[in-house]
Amino acid sequence: MGSPASRSNDPFHPSRHTPQSFWERIRYHFNWALDDIVRYTSLDDRYNQPVVIVLGWTILVTLVVLAAAPFEVWSPYPRLSSDLEILRSRVDSAGLAVAVARNGQIEFAQGLGVKNAKGDPVDAETAFYIGSTTKAFTSFLAALQVSNGNLSWTEPVHHYAPHISFSDPFLTERATLLDLLSHRTGLPRYDIFNQVARNTDELLAVVPHLKLKADFRTDYIYNNIMFALSGTIAAKAAGHDSWKSYADSLLATLELNNTRTSPSEFDALPNRADPYISNGTYFPETANDELATAGGAGAISSNVLDLSRWAQFLLGGARLANGSTLVKPKDLEILFTPRNIVPVDAGSPLTSYALGWQISTYRGTPVWSHYGQAYGFTTAVCLYPAHNTSVVVLSNQLQRSVVVVCPMAADRVLFGEKHLRPSRHIDQAVAAQTAERVALEKEIEERYSKRASGTTPTLPLKEYVGKYQSELGTIEIAKSKTADGKQSLRMVFGNFKAELAHWQYDEYILQGDLKLGELADGLVVLKFAVDSDKVTAASFLVEPTMDFVAFERV
């Protein structure tokens, strides 16, 4: 580990924080040594062979002596730092930033890897998009207005937004903030409209025409638009003209000075990560209207330091430095009260959804967490309320495998690694990533196996050019050319613009969509209906879990 004098003076350096009591040091360092021993010795050998027993006593005596060494030496964080680099290497992650905070203090914060194509290193202050972990901010903004008496958790939201209705009148009459913020309205994602709409008002205007996938309050169906609606309602109750304005006021109050609420602000930051796609490809700029339109569902960017302060603020009862609290305890508690059961794989722990937070347990202790993904970014924010501890993970790559950092850090910092070694977490991450890759490749292979190759459009491409309309809006089809100069079609649906590639017959897929990447490979999104020598309609896949929607030619 090196001498204390040789270490960085950085207050977040892995060597700066340690177990505080004599016996905590003994237990910690014994687990550290045991972590290495078990790599070469089975459990049976460890207890049955005399040489191992002698070795164990030798280690124990040695650790008693070592425990008297300077306080700064003993820390879980050097090993955690090593774990993270191994994980990053094995899952081939471009950049990663991680922070651990306890009892109001940030004990560890580190950047690993690179943040852009130039190879600039990630550090603890590097900003990333945080995706759906924005939702926790939005639910807190709603709680603020409930505490202030301007909103009610149980009042139907159409009382606050009478211009908003749902395709099911019963949902219009009954849906509350508790429903919107816990994904139990029955509405599927319809995320395409975050790109179609030019602003949040246009996004919410389409809500009355969206079909339900399940009955009201019968299922957990994730929906970003409902968080955009909730954020707009909370902002209006607070006297702000937008979710952004209201969120900015909260960030100023909490002094989260490196957190932003719009793509243009993020792109202006000098220390920010570019989203990594694959094969060395980065998006040098991420500014787009989609995240701004989504607002309270996923527009925030931040770094691990600010998010750790945010997490510790919540764990501290939403208490400010002056001792005052922003929300009433009962309203803060509601944010973490389960409302909906989240479907999980067999063998996984039971997970519930509260208001912008998932509620689960790890090693018998409660965990409040949420994950986020947006344009090549992955985020995990995990709170361990029984220990006043938080773990924040930010990555500039779409890799859900990095979420194992939370339990891996918890084992190092909270649980003494009694049961599961870090290598097991890393192996699980690699296995999950491999399984995800295999599943996607299988799905793409199936799409291609069902393709009728060698077919052509029924009519000349010029016959498909025109406008197609439904209650969801207007799609415009124009002629275009592929990268190799072939004639093709281009689609414009509000703010959403896409090049189309012929798939089979009169069906088309998206061409070269870097945001979706391989997810779009072989996925038919547009079907034209041809009657004799005339194109009469275009059916568009507005939501992958629902049927195509017909747009009539006008």
Foldseek 3Di string as FASTA:
>chain_A
DDDPVPDDPPQQPQLADADDDLVRQLLLVLLVVVLVVCVPAPPCRCPPPPVNVVVSVVSSVVSNVVSPPDRSRHGLRVVLVVLVVVLCVLVVFAKKWKWKDFPLGTRHIAIQHAFALVGHTAGQFAKDFFFQLLQLLLLVLLLLLVQVVLFDQFQQCCVLVVLAAALDNVLNRGPGLQCLQFQQQQFAALLVLLQQDQAQVLSRNLRRVGDGNDHGRPARHDYLNSSLVSLCSSCVSVVHRHSQVSSVVVCVQLVQPFKHQAQVVQLPDPRYGFADQDPSDTDNGDHDSSLNRSGSRTRMMGGNVSVQSVLLCLLVVCADPVGDHSGDSVSSVQQVDFDHWDDDDPPDFTWGTGRSWIWTDDPRFIKTKDWRDDQRKIKIWIAGSVRSMIMIMIGSGPAPLVNLSVVQVCCSHPVSVPDDHSVVSSVVSSVVVVVVVVVLVVVLVVLVVPFDPPADEPAPPVQVAAWFADSSFIKGKDWDADPVGHIFIWIRNRSDTFTWDDGHYQWTFTPPDSSCPSVRRSDTAWGWDDDDHHTFWIWGCSDVVDDTDITGGD
